[in-house]
Amino acid sequence: MFYQQQGLPFFKLGGIQVSVGMWYLLVMGMLVLLWPTLSPAMDFADGILIGLAVTVSLLVHEFAHALVAKRKKLGPSIILTAFGGYTLTEREAPTDGDDAKIVFAGPIAGMALAGAVALLFIFAPAFIASSPVTHRFFYTLLWFSLIWSVVNLALPIWPLDGGRLFHLFLRRIKPADTARRWTLQASLATMIPAGI
């Protein structure tokens, strides 16, 4: 496994433990505190709403991974980390096909969530516009869920879903060590231009 991290237990749902890493708390705290300085039209409460929407979106994404892994009896748990979340399992998936199903579940759930929120904007605009709180929360939930799902799936960066799928593909055509090395090299080659 390329990635492992521990966090503080947050809650348990359906037998799946959710933990929060200290870096996640730090990033969310910075988001809440610094958001008003980035956008003068927003305040501290907007930062809290945005942080809450991001957290809900990440949990939906990760629970989709975890529920498929649970169905495969892999003992999943979830940790929220600095730049998203990660679903850990006690056991590896028995086949690459099972692993791919687990990986695809997260982005599909994120896109489904974005679609459901988009329907609210279309069919219940009065509810969305009923207060700045509901509008800010659902607006962030819609766009973060959509963008995160697409970016997470499209970029071959480990441990994002795209990186995991890239690794699964390479494992079918290359030895395990080569597949792992190429995956990490592709991650670096993608992250450096993206960071710049």
C-alpha atoms as a PDB file:
ATOM      1  CA  MET A   1       0.000   0.000   0.000  1.00  0.00           C
ATOM      2  CA  PHE A   2       1.412   3.405  -0.990  1.00  0.00           C
ATOM      3  CA  TYR A   3      -0.490   5.444   1.549  1.00  0.00           C
ATOM      4  CA  GLN A   4      -1.403   5.087   5.194  1.00  0.00           C
ATOM      5  CA  GLN A   5      -2.408   7.614   7.793  1.00  0.00           C
ATOM      6  CA  GLN A   6      -4.094   7.644  11.166  1.00  0.00           C
ATOM      7  CA  GLY A   7      -6.560  10.154  12.484  1.00  0.00           C
ATOM      8  CA  LEU A   8      -8.874  10.984  15.341  1.00  0.00           C
ATOM      9  CA  PRO A   9     -12.066   8.872  15.456  1.00  0.00           C
ATOM     10  CA  PHE A  10     -14.975  11.051  14.290  1.00  0.00           C
ATOM     11  CA  PHE A  11     -18.004   8.759  13.985  1.00  0.00           C
ATOM     12  CA  LYS A  12     -19.034   5.280  12.880  1.00  0.00           C
ATOM     13  CA  LEU A  13     -21.818   4.579  10.392  1.00  0.00           C
ATOM     14  CA  GLY A  14     -22.881   1.173   9.106  1.00  0.00           C
ATOM     15  CA  GLY A  15     -19.848  -0.394  10.738  1.00  0.00           C
ATOM     16  CA  ILE A  16     -17.502   1.971   8.859  1.00  0.00           C
ATOM     17  CA  GLN A  17     -15.213   4.059  11.063  1.00  0.00           C
ATOM     18  CA  VAL A  18     -14.614   7.644   9.945  1.00  0.00           C
ATOM     19  CA  SER A  19     -11.541   9.423  11.300  1.00  0.00           C
ATOM     20  CA  VAL A  20     -10.231  12.935  10.806  1.00  0.00           C
ATOM     21  CA  GLY A  21      -6.557  13.662  10.247  1.00  0.00           C
ATOM     22  CA  MET A  22      -4.988  16.648  11.971  1.00  0.00           C
ATOM     23  CA  TRP A  23      -4.068  18.127   8.586  1.00  0.00           C
ATOM     24  CA  TYR A  24      -7.732  18.050   7.557  1.00  0.00           C
ATOM     25  CA  LEU A  25      -8.681  20.001  10.663  1.00  0.00           C
ATOM     26  CA  LEU A  26      -5.888  22.476   9.930  1.00  0.00           C
ATOM     27  CA  VAL A  27      -6.945  22.966   6.291  1.00  0.00           C
ATOM     28  CA  MET A  28     -10.622  23.372   7.252  1.00  0.00           C
ATOM     29  CA  GLY A  29      -9.669  25.803  10.002  1.00  0.00           C
ATOM     30  CA  MET A  30      -7.628  27.855   7.539  1.00  0.00           C
ATOM     31  CA  LEU A  31     -10.519  27.769   5.054  1.00  0.00           C
ATOM     32  CA  VAL A  32     -12.955  29.071   7.663  1.00  0.00           C
ATOM     33  CA  LEU A  33     -10.609  31.748   8.994  1.00  0.00           C
ATOM     34  CA  LEU A  34      -9.023  32.913   5.732  1.00  0.00           C
ATOM     35  CA  TRP A  35     -12.034  32.785   3.410  1.00  0.00           C
ATOM     36  CA  PRO A  36     -13.259  36.303   4.343  1.00  0.00           C
ATOM     37  CA  THR A  37      -9.815  37.718   3.489  1.00  0.00           C
ATOM     38  CA  LEU A  38      -9.929  36.041   0.055  1.00  0.00           C
ATOM     39  CA  SER A  39     -13.402  37.327  -0.740  1.00  0.00           C
ATOM     40  CA  PRO A  40     -14.520  40.537   0.997  1.00  0.00           C
ATOM     41  CA  ALA A  41     -18.163  39.750   0.123  1.00  0.00           C
ATOM     42  CA  MET A  42     -18.017  36.715   2.450  1.00  0.00           C
ATOM     43  CA  ASP A  43     -17.600  36.345   6.170  1.00  0.00           C
ATOM     44  CA  PHE A  44     -16.712  33.776   8.825  1.00  0.00           C
ATOM     45  CA  ALA A  45     -20.120  32.063   8.507  1.00  0.00           C
ATOM     46  CA  ASP A  46     -19.567  31.590   4.759  1.00  0.00           C
ATOM     47  CA  GLY A  47     -16.271  29.862   5.526  1.00  0.00           C
ATOM     48  CA  ILE A  48     -18.053  27.469   7.892  1.00  0.00           C
ATOM     49  CA  LEU A  49     -20.732  26.699   5.275  1.00  0.00           C
ATOM     50  CA  ILE A  50     -18.146  26.071   2.586  1.00  0.00           C
ATOM     51  CA  GLY A  51     -16.132  23.815   4.916  1.00  0.00           C
ATOM     52  CA  LEU A  52     -19.302  21.903   5.819  1.00  0.00           C
ATOM     53  CA  ALA A  53     -20.288  21.450   2.154  1.00  0.00           C
ATOM     54  CA  VAL A  54     -16.794  20.229   1.261  1.00  0.00           C
ATOM     55  CA  THR A  55     -16.879  17.759   4.161  1.00  0.00           C
ATOM     56  CA  VAL A  56     -20.307  16.397   3.171  1.00  0.00           C
ATOM     57  CA  SER A  57     -19.149  15.972  -0.428  1.00  0.00           C
ATOM     58  CA  LEU A  58     -15.971  14.152   0.621  1.00  0.00           C
ATOM     59  CA  LEU A  59     -17.917  11.856   2.948  1.00  0.00           C
ATOM     60  CA  VAL A  60     -20.392  10.899   0.205  1.00  0.00           C
ATOM     61  CA  HIS A  61     -17.455  10.151  -2.113  1.00  0.00           C
ATOM     62  CA  GLU A  62     -15.562   8.085   0.456  1.00  0.00           C
ATOM     63  CA  PHE A  63     -18.640   6.232   1.751  1.00  0.00           C
ATOM     64  CA  ALA A  64     -19.311   5.075  -1.806  1.00  0.00           C
ATOM     65  CA  HIS A  65     -15.807   3.566  -1.920  1.00  0.00           C
ATOM     66  CA  ALA A  66     -16.269   2.091   1.554  1.00  0.00           C
ATOM     67  CA  LEU A  67     -19.705   0.565   0.929  1.00  0.00           C
ATOM     68  CA  VAL A  68     -18.475  -1.305  -2.149  1.00  0.00           C
ATOM     69  CA  ALA A  69     -15.405  -2.438  -0.191  1.00  0.00           C
ATOM     70  CA  LYS A  70     -17.654  -3.541   2.682  1.00  0.00           C
ATOM     71  CA  ARG A  71     -19.771  -5.600   0.295  1.00  0.00           C
ATOM     72  CA  LYS A  72     -16.535  -7.329  -0.750  1.00  0.00           C
ATOM     73  CA  LYS A  73     -15.797  -7.949   2.974  1.00  0.00           C
ATOM     74  CA  LEU A  74     -12.562  -5.923   2.909  1.00  0.00           C
ATOM     75  CA  GLY A  75     -12.998  -4.137   6.260  1.00  0.00           C
ATOM     76  CA  PRO A  76     -13.090  -0.499   5.095  1.00  0.00           C
ATOM     77  CA  SER A  77     -12.552   2.646   7.127  1.00  0.00           C
ATOM     78  CA  ILE A  78     -12.389   6.288   6.079  1.00  0.00           C
ATOM     79  CA  ILE A  79      -9.985   9.063   6.958  1.00  0.00           C
ATOM     80  CA  LEU A  80     -10.383  12.713   6.001  1.00  0.00           C
ATOM     81  CA  THR A  81      -6.976  14.125   5.097  1.00  0.00           C
ATOM     82  CA  ALA A  82      -5.488  17.484   4.133  1.00  0.00           C
ATOM     83  CA  PHE A  83      -6.521  17.294   0.488  1.00  0.00           C
ATOM     84  CA  GLY A  84      -9.591  15.103   0.575  1.00  0.00           C
ATOM     85  CA  GLY A  85     -10.317  11.692   2.002  1.00  0.00           C
ATOM     86  CA  TYR A  86      -9.103   8.155   1.707  1.00  0.00           C
ATOM     87  CA  THR A  87     -10.765   4.778   2.158  1.00  0.00           C
ATOM     88  CA  LEU A  88      -8.477   2.235   3.783  1.00  0.00           C
ATOM     89  CA  THR A  89      -9.193  -1.496   3.828  1.00  0.00           C
ATOM     90  CA  GLU A  90      -7.971  -4.255   6.125  1.00  0.00           C
ATOM     91  CA  ARG A  91      -7.621  -6.586   3.150  1.00  0.00           C
ATOM     92  CA  GLU A  92      -6.845  -6.038  -0.516  1.00  0.00           C
ATOM     93  CA  ALA A  93      -9.518  -6.624  -3.131  1.00  0.00           C
ATOM     94  CA  PRO A  94      -9.328 -10.185  -4.477  1.00  0.00           C
ATOM     95  CA  THR A  95      -9.198  -9.029  -8.108  1.00  0.00           C
ATOM     96  CA  ASP A  96      -8.278  -5.878 -10.026  1.00  0.00           C
ATOM     97  CA  GLY A  97     -11.873  -5.805 -11.260  1.00  0.00           C
ATOM     98  CA  ASP A  98     -13.156  -5.589  -7.678  1.00  0.00           C
ATOM     99  CA  ASP A  99     -10.583  -2.881  -6.945  1.00  0.00           C
ATOM    100  CA  ALA A 100     -11.735  -0.910 -10.007  1.00  0.00           C
ATOM    101  CA  LYS A 101     -15.376  -1.118  -8.848  1.00  0.00           C
ATOM    102  CA  ILE A 102     -14.364   0.304  -5.472  1.00  0.00           C
ATOM    103  CA  VAL A 103     -12.392   3.107  -7.149  1.00  0.00           C
ATOM    104  CA  PHE A 104     -15.173   4.073  -9.589  1.00  0.00           C
ATOM    105  CA  ALA A 105     -17.824   4.149  -6.848  1.00  0.00           C
ATOM    106  CA  GLY A 106     -16.508   7.400  -5.331  1.00  0.00           C
ATOM    107  CA  PRO A 107     -16.602   9.633  -8.433  1.00  0.00           C
ATOM    108  CA  ILE A 108     -19.947   8.138  -9.494  1.00  0.00           C
ATOM    109  CA  ALA A 109     -21.419   8.984  -6.085  1.00  0.00           C
ATOM    110  CA  GLY A 110     -19.943  12.490  -6.245  1.00  0.00           C
ATOM    111  CA  MET A 111     -21.447  13.096  -9.681  1.00  0.00           C
ATOM    112  CA  ALA A 112     -24.792  11.680  -8.513  1.00  0.00           C
ATOM    113  CA  LEU A 113     -24.715  14.075  -5.540  1.00  0.00           C
ATOM    114  CA  ALA A 114     -23.958  16.996  -7.870  1.00  0.00           C
ATOM    115  CA  GLY A 115     -26.828  15.888 -10.115  1.00  0.00           C
ATOM    116  CA  ALA A 116     -29.240  15.686  -7.171  1.00  0.00           C
ATOM    117  CA  VAL A 117     -28.274  19.187  -6.021  1.00  0.00           C
ATOM    118  CA  ALA A 118     -28.609  20.493  -9.598  1.00  0.00           C
ATOM    119  CA  LEU A 119     -32.178  19.126  -9.609  1.00  0.00           C
ATOM    120  CA  LEU A 120     -32.844  21.114  -6.427  1.00  0.00           C
ATOM    121  CA  PHE A 121     -31.692  24.275  -8.206  1.00  0.00           C
ATOM    122  CA  ILE A 122     -34.021  23.465 -11.121  1.00  0.00           C
ATOM    123  CA  PHE A 123     -37.120  22.184  -9.343  1.00  0.00           C
ATOM    124  CA  ALA A 124     -36.889  23.854  -5.928  1.00  0.00           C
ATOM    125  CA  PRO A 125     -35.303  27.256  -6.592  1.00  0.00           C
ATOM    126  CA  ALA A 126     -37.433  28.874  -3.880  1.00  0.00           C
ATOM    127  CA  PHE A 127     -35.926  26.528  -1.295  1.00  0.00           C
ATOM    128  CA  ILE A 128     -32.380  27.190  -2.532  1.00  0.00           C
ATOM    129  CA  ALA A 129     -32.975  30.960  -2.497  1.00  0.00           C
ATOM    130  CA  SER A 130     -34.833  30.899   0.821  1.00  0.00           C
ATOM    131  CA  SER A 131     -31.731  32.085   2.659  1.00  0.00           C
ATOM    132  CA  PRO A 132     -28.081  32.908   1.976  1.00  0.00           C
ATOM    133  CA  VAL A 133     -27.200  29.869   4.099  1.00  0.00           C
ATOM    134  CA  THR A 134     -28.999  27.330   1.905  1.00  0.00           C
ATOM    135  CA  HIS A 135     -27.792  28.998  -1.285  1.00  0.00           C
ATOM    136  CA  ARG A 136     -24.125  29.078  -0.228  1.00  0.00           C
ATOM    137  CA  PHE A 137     -24.206  25.504   1.105  1.00  0.00           C
ATOM    138  CA  PHE A 138     -25.879  23.907  -1.937  1.00  0.00           C
ATOM    139  CA  TYR A 139     -23.946  26.016  -4.447  1.00  0.00           C
ATOM    140  CA  THR A 140     -20.655  24.850  -2.917  1.00  0.00           C
ATOM    141  CA  LEU A 141     -21.900  21.269  -2.598  1.00  0.00           C
ATOM    142  CA  LEU A 142     -22.869  21.200  -6.288  1.00  0.00           C
ATOM    143  CA  TRP A 143     -19.657  22.601  -7.720  1.00  0.00           C
ATOM    144  CA  PHE A 144     -17.222  20.951  -5.334  1.00  0.00           C
ATOM    145  CA  SER A 145     -18.835  17.509  -5.836  1.00  0.00           C
ATOM    146  CA  LEU A 146     -18.754  17.861  -9.611  1.00  0.00           C
ATOM    147  CA  ILE A 147     -15.251  19.293  -9.936  1.00  0.00           C
ATOM    148  CA  TRP A 148     -13.697  16.996  -7.326  1.00  0.00           C
ATOM    149  CA  SER A 149     -15.224  13.906  -8.957  1.00  0.00           C
ATOM    150  CA  VAL A 150     -13.927  14.832 -12.410  1.00  0.00           C
ATOM    151  CA  VAL A 151     -10.458  15.935 -11.253  1.00  0.00           C
ATOM    152  CA  ASN A 152     -10.091  12.967  -8.907  1.00  0.00           C
ATOM    153  CA  LEU A 153     -10.894  10.522 -11.697  1.00  0.00           C
ATOM    154  CA  ALA A 154      -9.038  12.268 -14.534  1.00  0.00           C
ATOM    155  CA  LEU A 155      -5.603  12.907 -13.013  1.00  0.00           C
ATOM    156  CA  PRO A 156      -3.158   9.974 -12.711  1.00  0.00           C
ATOM    157  CA  ILE A 157      -1.987  11.112  -9.269  1.00  0.00           C
ATOM    158  CA  TRP A 158      -1.653   8.603  -6.440  1.00  0.00           C
ATOM    159  CA  PRO A 159      -3.678   8.232  -4.210  1.00  0.00           C
ATOM    160  CA  LEU A 160      -6.458   9.926  -6.226  1.00  0.00           C
ATOM    161  CA  ASP A 161      -8.856   7.615  -8.022  1.00  0.00           C
ATOM    162  CA  GLY A 162      -7.260   8.350 -11.384  1.00  0.00           C
ATOM    163  CA  GLY A 163      -3.864   7.324 -10.007  1.00  0.00           C
ATOM    164  CA  ARG A 164      -5.296   4.135  -8.569  1.00  0.00           C
ATOM    165  CA  LEU A 165      -6.921   3.244 -11.893  1.00  0.00           C
ATOM    166  CA  PHE A 166      -3.676   4.055 -13.716  1.00  0.00           C
ATOM    167  CA  HIS A 167      -1.858   1.708 -11.324  1.00  0.00           C
ATOM    168  CA  LEU A 168      -4.435  -1.051 -11.898  1.00  0.00           C
ATOM    169  CA  PHE A 169      -3.998  -0.665 -15.657  1.00  0.00           C
ATOM    170  CA  LEU A 170      -0.206  -0.821 -15.427  1.00  0.00           C
ATOM    171  CA  ARG A 171      -0.377  -3.922 -13.216  1.00  0.00           C
ATOM    172  CA  ARG A 172      -2.072  -5.744 -16.075  1.00  0.00           C
ATOM    173  CA  ILE A 173       0.810  -5.101 -18.472  1.00  0.00           C
ATOM    174  CA  LYS A 174       3.870  -4.665 -16.223  1.00  0.00           C
ATOM    175  CA  PRO A 175       5.398  -6.355 -13.146  1.00  0.00           C
ATOM    176  CA  ALA A 176       4.116  -5.016  -9.802  1.00  0.00           C
ATOM    177  CA  ASP A 177       7.313  -3.085  -8.957  1.00  0.00           C
ATOM    178  CA  THR A 178       7.388  -1.420 -12.376  1.00  0.00           C
ATOM    179  CA  ALA A 179       3.692  -0.544 -12.168  1.00  0.00           C
ATOM    180  CA  ARG A 180       4.200   1.023  -8.738  1.00  0.00           C
ATOM    181  CA  ARG A 181       7.266   2.986  -9.861  1.00  0.00           C
ATOM    182  CA  TRP A 182       5.590   4.264 -13.042  1.00  0.00           C
ATOM    183  CA  THR A 183       2.487   5.265 -11.095  1.00  0.00           C
ATOM    184  CA  LEU A 184       4.543   7.335  -8.662  1.00  0.00           C
ATOM    185  CA  GLN A 185       6.549   8.869 -11.519  1.00  0.00           C
ATOM    186  CA  ALA A 186       3.331   9.785 -13.359  1.00  0.00           C
ATOM    187  CA  SER A 187       2.013  11.324 -10.133  1.00  0.00           C
ATOM    188  CA  LEU A 188       5.074  13.543  -9.790  1.00  0.00           C
ATOM    189  CA  ALA A 189       5.040  14.433 -13.491  1.00  0.00           C
ATOM    190  CA  THR A 190       1.395  15.524 -13.166  1.00  0.00           C
ATOM    191  CA  MET A 191       1.666  17.308  -9.806  1.00  0.00           C
ATOM    192  CA  ILE A 192       4.666  19.492 -10.657  1.00  0.00           C
ATOM    193  CA  PRO A 193       3.060  21.265 -13.683  1.00  0.00           C
ATOM    194  CA  ALA A 194      -0.256  21.462 -11.823  1.00  0.00           C
ATOM    195  CA  GLY A 195       1.501  23.062  -8.842  1.00  0.00           C
ATOM    196  CA  ILE A 196       3.285  25.563 -11.068  1.00  0.00           C
END
